[in-house]
C-alpha atoms as a PDB file:
ATOM      1  CA  UNK A   1      35.407 130.037-121.555  1.00  0.00           C
ATOM      2  CA  UNK A   2      37.294 128.267-124.418  1.00  0.00           C
ATOM      3  CA  UNK A   3      33.968 126.604-125.470  1.00  0.00           C
ATOM      4  CA  UNK A   4      32.245 130.010-125.455  1.00  0.00           C
ATOM      5  CA  UNK A   5      30.025 130.503-128.731  1.00  0.00           C
ATOM      6  CA  UNK A   6      29.666 134.078-129.843  1.00  0.00           C
ATOM      7  CA  UNK A   7      26.725 134.388-132.149  1.00  0.00           C
ATOM      8  CA  UNK A   8      26.656 136.591-135.303  1.00  0.00           C
ATOM      9  CA  UNK A   9      23.235 135.909-136.506  1.00  0.00           C
ATOM     10  CA  UNK A  10      19.808 135.250-134.985  1.00  0.00           C
ATOM     11  CA  UNK A  11      17.027 132.608-135.706  1.00  0.00           C
ATOM     12  CA  UNK A  12      13.518 134.090-135.997  1.00  0.00           C
ATOM     13  CA  UNK A  13      11.142 131.447-134.957  1.00  0.00           C
ATOM     14  CA  UNK A  14       7.592 130.889-136.546  1.00  0.00           C
ATOM     15  CA  UNK A  15       4.284 130.104-134.685  1.00  0.00           C
ATOM     16  CA  UNK A  16       3.625 127.087-136.588  1.00  0.00           C
ATOM     17  CA  UNK A  17       5.853 124.572-138.585  1.00  0.00           C
ATOM     18  CA  UNK A  18       3.052 124.168-141.137  1.00  0.00           C
ATOM     19  CA  UNK A  19       4.310 125.686-144.497  1.00  0.00           C
ATOM     20  CA  UNK A  20       0.836 126.803-145.573  1.00  0.00           C
ATOM     21  CA  UNK A  21       0.032 128.545-142.318  1.00  0.00           C
ATOM     22  CA  UNK A  22       3.491 130.287-142.691  1.00  0.00           C
ATOM     23  CA  UNK A  23       2.529 131.558-146.302  1.00  0.00           C
ATOM     24  CA  UNK A  24      -0.951 132.753-144.989  1.00  0.00           C
ATOM     25  CA  UNK A  25       0.831 134.635-142.286  1.00  0.00           C
ATOM     26  CA  UNK A  26       3.231 136.147-144.917  1.00  0.00           C
ATOM     27  CA  UNK A  27       0.073 137.120-146.916  1.00  0.00           C
ATOM     28  CA  UNK A  28      -1.624 138.741-143.932  1.00  0.00           C
ATOM     29  CA  UNK A  29       1.342 140.812-143.232  1.00  0.00           C
ATOM     30  CA  UNK A  30       1.716 141.619-146.923  1.00  0.00           C
ATOM     31  CA  UNK A  31      -1.973 142.925-146.941  1.00  0.00           C
ATOM     32  CA  UNK A  32      -1.559 144.915-143.772  1.00  0.00           C
ATOM     33  CA  UNK A  33       1.977 146.491-144.972  1.00  0.00           C
ATOM     34  CA  UNK A  34       0.338 147.559-148.588  1.00  0.00           C
ATOM     35  CA  UNK A  35      -2.720 149.011-146.823  1.00  0.00           C
ATOM     36  CA  UNK A  36      -0.474 151.045-144.280  1.00  0.00           C
ATOM     37  CA  UNK A  37       1.886 151.973-147.264  1.00  0.00           C
ATOM     38  CA  UNK A  38      -0.990 153.142-149.450  1.00  0.00           C
ATOM     39  CA  UNK A  39      -2.792 155.189-146.535  1.00  0.00           C
ATOM     40  CA  UNK A  40       0.338 156.915-145.393  1.00  0.00           C
ATOM     41  CA  UNK A  41       1.636 157.910-148.761  1.00  0.00           C
ATOM     42  CA  UNK A  42      -1.795 159.205-149.737  1.00  0.00           C
ATOM     43  CA  UNK A  43      -1.883 161.351-146.528  1.00  0.00           C
ATOM     44  CA  UNK A  44       1.661 162.930-147.273  1.00  0.00           C
ATOM     45  CA  UNK A  45       1.013 163.339-150.984  1.00  0.00           C
ATOM     46  CA  UNK A  46      -2.470 165.052-150.287  1.00  0.00           C
ATOM     47  CA  UNK A  47      -0.959 167.312-147.567  1.00  0.00           C
ATOM     48  CA  UNK A  48       1.965 168.341-149.634  1.00  0.00           C
ATOM     49  CA  UNK A  49       0.242 168.850-152.883  1.00  0.00           C
ATOM     50  CA  UNK A  50      -2.948 170.855-151.499  1.00  0.00           C
ATOM     51  CA  UNK A  51      -2.229 174.293-150.407  1.00  0.00           C
ATOM     52  CA  UNK A  52      -5.385 174.481-148.262  1.00  0.00           C
ATOM     53  CA  UNK A  53      -3.385 172.030-146.020  1.00  0.00           C
ATOM     54  CA  UNK A  54      -0.137 173.884-145.617  1.00  0.00           C
ATOM     55  CA  UNK A  55      -0.550 174.789-142.137  1.00  0.00           C
ATOM     56  CA  UNK A  56       1.253 173.663-138.889  1.00  0.00           C
ATOM     57  CA  UNK A  57      -1.362 170.960-137.863  1.00  0.00           C
ATOM     58  CA  UNK A  58      -0.985 169.269-141.163  1.00  0.00           C
ATOM     59  CA  UNK A  59       2.707 169.764-141.365  1.00  0.00           C
ATOM     60  CA  UNK A  60       2.841 167.611-138.125  1.00  0.00           C
ATOM     61  CA  UNK A  61       0.519 165.289-139.438  1.00  0.00           C
ATOM     62  CA  UNK A  62       2.511 164.426-142.542  1.00  0.00           C
ATOM     63  CA  UNK A  63       5.507 163.943-140.279  1.00  0.00           C
ATOM     64  CA  UNK A  64       3.456 161.511-138.204  1.00  0.00           C
ATOM     65  CA  UNK A  65       2.622 159.614-141.489  1.00  0.00           C
ATOM     66  CA  UNK A  66       6.255 159.308-142.697  1.00  0.00           C
ATOM     67  CA  UNK A  67       6.891 157.899-139.181  1.00  0.00           C
ATOM     68  CA  UNK A  68       4.257 155.233-139.489  1.00  0.00           C
ATOM     69  CA  UNK A  69       5.659 154.409-143.114  1.00  0.00           C
ATOM     70  CA  UNK A  70       9.259 154.068-141.332  1.00  0.00           C
ATOM     71  CA  UNK A  71       8.300 152.076-138.455  1.00  0.00           C
ATOM     72  CA  UNK A  72       6.181 149.572-140.261  1.00  0.00           C
ATOM     73  CA  UNK A  73       8.968 149.203-143.176  1.00  0.00           C
ATOM     74  CA  UNK A  74      11.500 148.472-140.546  1.00  0.00           C
ATOM     75  CA  UNK A  75       9.505 145.258-139.627  1.00  0.00           C
ATOM     76  CA  UNK A  76       7.162 144.057-142.255  1.00  0.00           C
ATOM     77  CA  UNK A  77       9.165 143.560-145.403  1.00  0.00           C
ATOM     78  CA  UNK A  78      11.569 141.085-143.495  1.00  0.00           C
ATOM     79  CA  UNK A  79       8.724 139.495-141.808  1.00  0.00           C
ATOM     80  CA  UNK A  80       6.980 138.930-145.155  1.00  0.00           C
ATOM     81  CA  UNK A  81      10.084 137.387-146.835  1.00  0.00           C
ATOM     82  CA  UNK A  82      10.751 135.064-143.790  1.00  0.00           C
ATOM     83  CA  UNK A  83       7.062 133.929-143.899  1.00  0.00           C
ATOM     84  CA  UNK A  84       7.334 133.176-147.476  1.00  0.00           C
ATOM     85  CA  UNK A  85      10.805 131.501-147.641  1.00  0.00           C
ATOM     86  CA  UNK A  86      12.557 128.929-145.584  1.00  0.00           C
ATOM     87  CA  UNK A  87      15.353 131.501-144.700  1.00  0.00           C
ATOM     88  CA  UNK A  88      14.661 132.423-141.013  1.00  0.00           C
ATOM     89  CA  UNK A  89      18.155 133.896-140.048  1.00  0.00           C
ATOM     90  CA  UNK A  90      18.795 137.576-139.416  1.00  0.00           C
ATOM     91  CA  UNK A  91      22.332 139.115-139.126  1.00  0.00           C
ATOM     92  CA  UNK A  92      23.491 140.928-135.830  1.00  0.00           C
ATOM     93  CA  UNK A  93      23.747 143.979-138.011  1.00  0.00           C
ATOM     94  CA  UNK A  94      20.362 143.677-139.489  1.00  0.00           C
ATOM     95  CA  UNK A  95      18.973 142.978-136.026  1.00  0.00           C
ATOM     96  CA  UNK A  96      20.713 146.071-134.447  1.00  0.00           C
ATOM     97  CA  UNK A  97      19.399 148.318-137.417  1.00  0.00           C
ATOM     98  CA  UNK A  98      15.724 146.990-136.817  1.00  0.00           C
ATOM     99  CA  UNK A  99      16.051 147.892-133.125  1.00  0.00           C
ATOM    100  CA  UNK A 100      17.808 151.306-133.982  1.00  0.00           C
ATOM    101  CA  UNK A 101      15.208 152.399-136.617  1.00  0.00           C
ATOM    102  CA  UNK A 102      12.118 151.091-134.812  1.00  0.00           C
ATOM    103  CA  UNK A 103      13.263 152.997-131.578  1.00  0.00           C
ATOM    104  CA  UNK A 104      14.148 156.096-133.457  1.00  0.00           C
ATOM    105  CA  UNK A 105      10.474 156.311-135.002  1.00  0.00           C
ATOM    106  CA  UNK A 106       8.858 155.614-131.490  1.00  0.00           C
ATOM    107  CA  UNK A 107      11.053 158.350-129.948  1.00  0.00           C
ATOM    108  CA  UNK A 108      10.353 160.901-132.652  1.00  0.00           C
ATOM    109  CA  UNK A 109       6.567 160.150-132.516  1.00  0.00           C
ATOM    110  CA  UNK A 110       6.470 160.819-128.665  1.00  0.00           C
ATOM    111  CA  UNK A 111       8.387 164.176-129.101  1.00  0.00           C
ATOM    112  CA  UNK A 112       5.941 164.982-132.137  1.00  0.00           C
ATOM    113  CA  UNK A 113       2.916 164.260-129.930  1.00  0.00           C
ATOM    114  CA  UNK A 114       4.193 166.725-127.337  1.00  0.00           C
ATOM    115  CA  UNK A 115       4.513 169.436-129.883  1.00  0.00           C
ATOM    116  CA  UNK A 116       1.152 168.805-131.667  1.00  0.00           C
ATOM    117  CA  UNK A 117      -0.593 169.008-128.237  1.00  0.00           C
ATOM    118  CA  UNK A 118       1.271 172.412-127.874  1.00  0.00           C
ATOM    119  CA  UNK A 119       0.080 173.440-131.378  1.00  0.00           C
ATOM    120  CA  UNK A 120      -3.452 172.605-130.431  1.00  0.00           C
ATOM    121  CA  UNK A 121      -3.123 174.312-127.095  1.00  0.00           C
ATOM    122  CA  UNK A 122      -2.237 177.611-128.557  1.00  0.00           C
ATOM    123  CA  UNK A 123      -4.694 177.286-131.554  1.00  0.00           C
ATOM    124  CA  UNK A 124      -7.599 176.858-129.052  1.00  0.00           C
ATOM    125  CA  UNK A 125      -6.683 178.679-125.823  1.00  0.00           C
ATOM    126  CA  UNK A 126      -4.692 181.553-127.687  1.00  0.00           C
ATOM    127  CA  UNK A 127      -6.113 181.708-131.218  1.00  0.00           C
ATOM    128  CA  UNK A 128      -5.419 185.396-131.698  1.00  0.00           C
ATOM    129  CA  UNK A 129      -1.629 184.947-130.815  1.00  0.00           C
ATOM    130  CA  UNK A 130      -1.480 181.570-132.898  1.00  0.00           C
ATOM    131  CA  UNK A 131       0.205 183.159-135.961  1.00  0.00           C
ATOM    132  CA  UNK A 132       2.628 184.939-134.041  1.00  0.00           C
ATOM    133  CA  UNK A 133       3.705 181.837-131.758  1.00  0.00           C
ATOM    134  CA  UNK A 134       3.362 178.923-134.222  1.00  0.00           C
ATOM    135  CA  UNK A 135       5.466 180.043-137.179  1.00  0.00           C
ATOM    136  CA  UNK A 136       6.979 178.084-140.042  1.00  0.00           C
ATOM    137  CA  UNK A 137      10.377 178.600-138.468  1.00  0.00           C
ATOM    138  CA  UNK A 138       9.113 177.109-135.188  1.00  0.00           C
ATOM    139  CA  UNK A 139       7.649 174.109-136.832  1.00  0.00           C
ATOM    140  CA  UNK A 140      10.722 173.239-138.640  1.00  0.00           C
ATOM    141  CA  UNK A 141      12.468 173.738-135.485  1.00  0.00           C
ATOM    142  CA  UNK A 142      10.263 171.473-133.484  1.00  0.00           C
ATOM    143  CA  UNK A 143      10.378 168.741-136.179  1.00  0.00           C
ATOM    144  CA  UNK A 144      14.245 168.954-136.359  1.00  0.00           C
ATOM    145  CA  UNK A 145      14.470 168.893-132.642  1.00  0.00           C
ATOM    146  CA  UNK A 146      12.176 165.638-132.478  1.00  0.00           C
ATOM    147  CA  UNK A 147      14.273 163.821-135.004  1.00  0.00           C
ATOM    148  CA  UNK A 148      17.530 164.871-133.428  1.00  0.00           C
ATOM    149  CA  UNK A 149      16.445 163.730-129.923  1.00  0.00           C
ATOM    150  CA  UNK A 150      15.277 160.591-131.395  1.00  0.00           C
ATOM    151  CA  UNK A 151      18.406 159.943-132.975  1.00  0.00           C
ATOM    152  CA  UNK A 152      20.499 160.567-129.939  1.00  0.00           C
ATOM    153  CA  UNK A 153      18.211 158.397-127.735  1.00  0.00           C
ATOM    154  CA  UNK A 154      17.970 155.486-130.234  1.00  0.00           C
ATOM    155  CA  UNK A 155      21.759 155.442-130.513  1.00  0.00           C
ATOM    156  CA  UNK A 156      22.291 155.348-126.815  1.00  0.00           C
ATOM    157  CA  UNK A 157      19.498 152.685-126.428  1.00  0.00           C
ATOM    158  CA  UNK A 158      20.904 150.413-129.374  1.00  0.00           C
ATOM    159  CA  UNK A 159      24.513 150.985-128.203  1.00  0.00           C
ATOM    160  CA  UNK A 160      23.922 149.714-124.842  1.00  0.00           C
ATOM    161  CA  UNK A 161      22.076 146.694-125.958  1.00  0.00           C
ATOM    162  CA  UNK A 162      24.511 145.468-128.659  1.00  0.00           C
ATOM    163  CA  UNK A 163      27.767 146.597-126.770  1.00  0.00           C
ATOM    164  CA  UNK A 164      28.632 142.829-125.736  1.00  0.00           C
ATOM    165  CA  UNK A 165      28.483 139.767-127.561  1.00  0.00           C
ATOM    166  CA  UNK A 166      25.821 137.254-127.365  1.00  0.00           C
ATOM    167  CA  UNK A 167      26.614 133.853-125.930  1.00  0.00           C
ATOM    168  CA  UNK A 168      23.388 132.409-124.546  1.00  0.00           C
ATOM    169  CA  UNK A 169      21.359 131.559-127.485  1.00  0.00           C
ATOM    170  CA  UNK A 170      20.602 133.078-130.815  1.00  0.00           C
ATOM    171  CA  UNK A 171      16.897 131.791-131.018  1.00  0.00           C
ATOM    172  CA  UNK A 172      14.344 134.755-131.031  1.00  0.00           C
ATOM    173  CA  UNK A 173      10.707 133.663-130.420  1.00  0.00           C
ATOM    174  CA  UNK A 174       9.438 136.371-132.513  1.00  0.00           C
ATOM    175  CA  UNK A 175       9.095 137.197-136.363  1.00  0.00           C
ATOM    176  CA  UNK A 176      11.377 140.261-135.915  1.00  0.00           C
ATOM    177  CA  UNK A 177      14.101 141.551-133.391  1.00  0.00           C
ATOM    178  CA  UNK A 178      11.889 142.348-130.343  1.00  0.00           C
ATOM    179  CA  UNK A 179      13.828 144.095-127.598  1.00  0.00           C
ATOM    180  CA  UNK A 180      12.486 141.962-124.623  1.00  0.00           C
ATOM    181  CA  UNK A 181      13.674 138.895-126.748  1.00  0.00           C
ATOM    182  CA  UNK A 182      16.964 140.554-127.231  1.00  0.00           C
ATOM    183  CA  UNK A 183      17.323 141.384-123.432  1.00  0.00           C
ATOM    184  CA  UNK A 184      16.595 138.013-122.706  1.00  0.00           C
ATOM    185  CA  UNK A 185      19.587 136.679-124.532  1.00  0.00           C
ATOM    186  CA  UNK A 186      21.831 139.449-123.488  1.00  0.00           C
ATOM    187  CA  UNK A 187      24.710 139.346-120.496  1.00  0.00           C
ATOM    188  CA  UNK A 188      23.823 140.512-116.832  1.00  0.00           C
ATOM    189  CA  UNK A 189      25.914 143.782-117.621  1.00  0.00           C
ATOM    190  CA  UNK A 190      23.899 144.687-120.648  1.00  0.00           C
ATOM    191  CA  UNK A 191      20.636 143.868-118.952  1.00  0.00           C
ATOM    192  CA  UNK A 192      21.734 146.269-116.000  1.00  0.00           C
ATOM    193  CA  UNK A 193      22.653 149.103-118.258  1.00  0.00           C
ATOM    194  CA  UNK A 194      19.441 148.617-120.200  1.00  0.00           C
ATOM    195  CA  UNK A 195      17.593 148.886-117.137  1.00  0.00           C
ATOM    196  CA  UNK A 196      19.358 152.355-116.266  1.00  0.00           C
ATOM    197  CA  UNK A 197      18.320 153.437-119.725  1.00  0.00           C
ATOM    198  CA  UNK A 198      14.758 152.223-119.635  1.00  0.00           C
ATOM    199  CA  UNK A 199      14.349 153.776-116.183  1.00  0.00           C
ATOM    200  CA  UNK A 200      15.653 157.234-117.635  1.00  0.00           C
ATOM    201  CA  UNK A 201      13.428 156.729-120.489  1.00  0.00           C
ATOM    202  CA  UNK A 202      10.357 156.142-118.229  1.00  0.00           C
ATOM    203  CA  UNK A 203      11.182 159.589-116.541  1.00  0.00           C
ATOM    204  CA  UNK A 204      11.402 161.275-119.907  1.00  0.00           C
ATOM    205  CA  UNK A 205       8.260 159.918-121.130  1.00  0.00           C
ATOM    206  CA  UNK A 206       6.454 160.808-117.906  1.00  0.00           C
ATOM    207  CA  UNK A 207       7.458 164.287-118.516  1.00  0.00           C
ATOM    208  CA  UNK A 208       6.133 164.204-122.000  1.00  0.00           C
ATOM    209  CA  UNK A 209       2.810 162.797-121.016  1.00  0.00           C
ATOM    210  CA  UNK A 210       2.378 165.420-118.040  1.00  0.00           C
ATOM    211  CA  UNK A 211       3.047 168.222-120.807  1.00  0.00           C
ATOM    212  CA  UNK A 212       0.220 166.638-122.970  1.00  0.00           C
ATOM    213  CA  UNK A 213      -1.948 165.943-120.218  1.00  0.00           C
ATOM    214  CA  UNK A 214      -1.754 169.737-118.895  1.00  0.00           C
ATOM    215  CA  UNK A 215      -2.066 170.848-122.674  1.00  0.00           C
ATOM    216  CA  UNK A 216      -5.280 168.838-123.326  1.00  0.00           C
ATOM    217  CA  UNK A 217      -6.869 169.656-119.806  1.00  0.00           C
ATOM    218  CA  UNK A 218      -6.401 173.380-120.696  1.00  0.00           C
ATOM    219  CA  UNK A 219      -7.899 172.675-124.151  1.00  0.00           C
ATOM    220  CA  UNK A 220     -11.063 171.028-122.987  1.00  0.00           C
ATOM    221  CA  UNK A 221     -11.702 173.761-120.352  1.00  0.00           C
ATOM    222  CA  UNK A 222     -11.438 176.399-122.710  1.00  0.00           C
ATOM    223  CA  UNK A 223     -13.687 174.371-125.250  1.00  0.00           C
ATOM    224  CA  UNK A 224     -16.297 173.807-122.198  1.00  0.00           C
ATOM    225  CA  UNK A 225     -16.411 177.526-122.032  1.00  0.00           C
ATOM    226  CA  UNK A 226     -17.301 178.308-125.753  1.00  0.00           C
ATOM    227  CA  UNK A 227     -20.829 179.558-126.267  1.00  0.00           C
ATOM    228  CA  UNK A 228     -20.882 178.531-129.857  1.00  0.00           C
ATOM    229  CA  UNK A 229     -21.575 174.922-130.750  1.00  0.00           C
ATOM    230  CA  UNK A 230     -20.347 175.105-134.105  1.00  0.00           C
ATOM    231  CA  UNK A 231     -16.897 176.361-132.787  1.00  0.00           C
ATOM    232  CA  UNK A 232     -16.827 173.862-129.875  1.00  0.00           C
ATOM    233  CA  UNK A 233     -17.246 170.934-132.396  1.00  0.00           C
ATOM    234  CA  UNK A 234     -14.697 172.330-134.644  1.00  0.00           C
ATOM    235  CA  UNK A 235     -12.228 172.604-131.893  1.00  0.00           C
ATOM    236  CA  UNK A 236     -13.032 169.050-130.408  1.00  0.00           C
ATOM    237  CA  UNK A 237     -12.729 167.628-134.049  1.00  0.00           C
ATOM    238  CA  UNK A 238      -9.118 168.803-134.404  1.00  0.00           C
ATOM    239  CA  UNK A 239      -8.146 167.129-130.828  1.00  0.00           C
ATOM    240  CA  UNK A 240      -9.781 164.080-130.965  1.00  0.00           C
ATOM    241  CA  UNK A 241      -7.766 162.339-133.801  1.00  0.00           C
ATOM    242  CA  UNK A 242      -4.607 163.333-131.856  1.00  0.00           C
ATOM    243  CA  UNK A 243      -5.884 162.115-128.488  1.00  0.00           C
ATOM    244  CA  UNK A 244      -7.093 158.681-130.330  1.00  0.00           C
ATOM    245  CA  UNK A 245      -3.414 158.401-131.829  1.00  0.00           C
ATOM    246  CA  UNK A 246      -2.051 159.063-128.400  1.00  0.00           C
ATOM    247  CA  UNK A 247      -4.354 156.470-126.769  1.00  0.00           C
ATOM    248  CA  UNK A 248      -3.254 153.924-129.410  1.00  0.00           C
ATOM    249  CA  UNK A 249       0.442 154.739-129.013  1.00  0.00           C
ATOM    250  CA  UNK A 250       0.175 154.187-125.358  1.00  0.00           C
ATOM    251  CA  UNK A 251      -1.482 151.048-125.484  1.00  0.00           C
ATOM    252  CA  UNK A 252       0.797 149.760-128.045  1.00  0.00           C
ATOM    253  CA  UNK A 253       3.618 150.740-125.722  1.00  0.00           C
ATOM    254  CA  UNK A 254       2.304 149.188-122.785  1.00  0.00           C
ATOM    255  CA  UNK A 255       1.339 145.989-124.266  1.00  0.00           C
ATOM    256  CA  UNK A 256       4.999 144.907-125.079  1.00  0.00           C
ATOM    257  CA  UNK A 257       6.149 145.949-121.505  1.00  0.00           C
ATOM    258  CA  UNK A 258       3.644 144.104-119.460  1.00  0.00           C
ATOM    259  CA  UNK A 259       3.784 141.043-121.723  1.00  0.00           C
ATOM    260  CA  UNK A 260       6.038 138.176-120.578  1.00  0.00           C
ATOM    261  CA  UNK A 261       8.938 137.355-122.879  1.00  0.00           C
ATOM    262  CA  UNK A 262       7.833 134.074-124.586  1.00  0.00           C
ATOM    263  CA  UNK A 263      10.178 131.096-124.306  1.00  0.00           C
ATOM    264  CA  UNK A 264       8.444 129.597-127.269  1.00  0.00           C
ATOM    265  CA  UNK A 265       6.374 130.873-130.265  1.00  0.00           C
ATOM    266  CA  UNK A 266       2.677 131.155-129.714  1.00  0.00           C
ATOM    267  CA  UNK A 267      -0.271 132.789-131.442  1.00  0.00           C
ATOM    268  CA  UNK A 268      -0.779 135.158-128.500  1.00  0.00           C
ATOM    269  CA  UNK A 269       2.742 136.148-128.945  1.00  0.00           C
ATOM    270  CA  UNK A 270       2.341 136.778-132.501  1.00  0.00           C
ATOM    271  CA  UNK A 271      -0.857 138.768-132.326  1.00  0.00           C
ATOM    272  CA  UNK A 272       0.667 140.930-129.456  1.00  0.00           C
ATOM    273  CA  UNK A 273       3.692 141.807-131.544  1.00  0.00           C
ATOM    274  CA  UNK A 274       1.325 142.618-134.508  1.00  0.00           C
ATOM    275  CA  UNK A 275      -0.768 144.693-132.455  1.00  0.00           C
ATOM    276  CA  UNK A 276       2.210 147.053-131.377  1.00  0.00           C
ATOM    277  CA  UNK A 277       4.334 146.798-134.708  1.00  0.00           C
ATOM    278  CA  UNK A 278       1.636 146.936-137.503  1.00  0.00           C
ATOM    279  CA  UNK A 279      -1.795 147.989-136.281  1.00  0.00           C
ATOM    280  CA  UNK A 280      -0.879 151.521-135.447  1.00  0.00           C
ATOM    281  CA  UNK A 281       0.550 152.509-138.717  1.00  0.00           C
ATOM    282  CA  UNK A 282      -2.319 150.878-140.407  1.00  0.00           C
ATOM    283  CA  UNK A 283      -4.820 152.709-138.160  1.00  0.00           C
ATOM    284  CA  UNK A 284      -3.567 156.036-137.695  1.00  0.00           C
ATOM    285  CA  UNK A 285      -4.019 157.470-141.229  1.00  0.00           C
ATOM    286  CA  UNK A 286      -7.585 156.388-140.849  1.00  0.00           C
ATOM    287  CA  UNK A 287      -7.804 158.278-137.677  1.00  0.00           C
ATOM    288  CA  UNK A 288      -6.448 161.308-139.275  1.00  0.00           C
ATOM    289  CA  UNK A 289      -9.013 161.561-142.115  1.00  0.00           C
ATOM    290  CA  UNK A 290     -12.018 159.844-140.691  1.00  0.00           C
ATOM    291  CA  UNK A 291     -13.726 163.027-139.254  1.00  0.00           C
ATOM    292  CA  UNK A 292     -11.337 165.541-140.925  1.00  0.00           C
ATOM    293  CA  UNK A 293     -13.298 167.642-143.455  1.00  0.00           C
ATOM    294  CA  UNK A 294     -10.163 169.294-144.731  1.00  0.00           C
ATOM    295  CA  UNK A 295      -8.308 166.119-145.481  1.00  0.00           C
ATOM    296  CA  UNK A 296     -11.564 164.573-147.039  1.00  0.00           C
ATOM    297  CA  UNK A 297     -12.044 167.731-149.322  1.00  0.00           C
ATOM    298  CA  UNK A 298      -8.400 167.681-150.291  1.00  0.00           C
ATOM    299  CA  UNK A 299      -8.658 164.078-151.190  1.00  0.00           C
ATOM    300  CA  UNK A 300     -11.811 164.787-153.437  1.00  0.00           C
ATOM    301  CA  UNK A 301      -9.809 167.758-155.119  1.00  0.00           C
ATOM    302  CA  UNK A 302      -6.771 165.319-155.905  1.00  0.00           C
ATOM    303  CA  UNK A 303      -8.914 162.519-157.192  1.00  0.00           C
ATOM    304  CA  UNK A 304     -10.906 164.907-159.299  1.00  0.00           C
ATOM    305  CA  UNK A 305      -7.673 166.292-160.615  1.00  0.00           C
ATOM    306  CA  UNK A 306      -5.987 162.961-161.681  1.00  0.00           C
ATOM    307  CA  UNK A 307      -8.997 160.802-162.326  1.00  0.00           C
ATOM    308  CA  UNK A 308     -11.391 160.468-165.320  1.00  0.00           C
ATOM    309  CA  UNK A 309     -14.449 160.342-163.064  1.00  0.00           C
ATOM    310  CA  UNK A 310     -15.295 163.104-160.692  1.00  0.00           C
ATOM    311  CA  UNK A 311     -15.568 162.136-157.092  1.00  0.00           C
ATOM    312  CA  UNK A 312     -18.520 163.789-155.441  1.00  0.00           C
ATOM    313  CA  UNK A 313     -20.046 161.521-152.753  1.00  0.00           C
ATOM    314  CA  UNK A 314     -17.258 159.100-152.171  1.00  0.00           C
ATOM    315  CA  UNK A 315     -15.560 161.057-149.419  1.00  0.00           C
ATOM    316  CA  UNK A 316     -17.674 162.935-146.976  1.00  0.00           C
END
């Protein structure tokens, strides 16, 4: 025990030792990050500034955009700096902060997806009572509750993971503090407590997905009974983006769970991590506005208001 080494910083490993490829990796991260940053900031700005979008659905979409901004900002800036410089170390405190914030944003996103499924359920299945049920007060409480529950869960999760010192190794075979990698380096006591937390988390997530499943089953059951094709298409168009985001979130959550923890850096390991840390924040804003006429119309109004050249056919 006298020779036991307690690590206070970690070493983030690169896929390649080639300096040119490391810089290229940093440039790729930078392009994705700037793209996600621009898309999500534009989404939040257009929803906040356009009064036609001041409704519960777009209030929750703006919250989702803020979550995407936060989640990619936790990982990308540090990964860009590490790829561009020779410094590959990250302190224990910064590593814990990365895991805390990333877990927080993921937990809040699950909660908001549940809330959004209920919002669409009321809007489509009980349209006459929508204004009475989904009030501004309820939306604020739902958003605050989502953030509060995410904070509590993330604090418990991070506290369990970092409650004991790391003595096995300080090498992380990834470009950020990946949870499976941290667990691999943890003591058996921490691994057991994390196993208990993860089991409880899975139970909570299953309940959330059950609520969403029931909501969307009722939604599509109601949609199929609609006689008006226009009303049916409008109802489907408001649900498909949320279903696409839910599917992307589910896939990005399953990928790290079933991917084995790598003992050495590899291209597959890098691409897997990029898929669940950087792709969703980049893709989600595109899903929001791809077939959303209201957001596209609001974007046209915003561009026409602040640009010299009117935008007519650019956004449809």
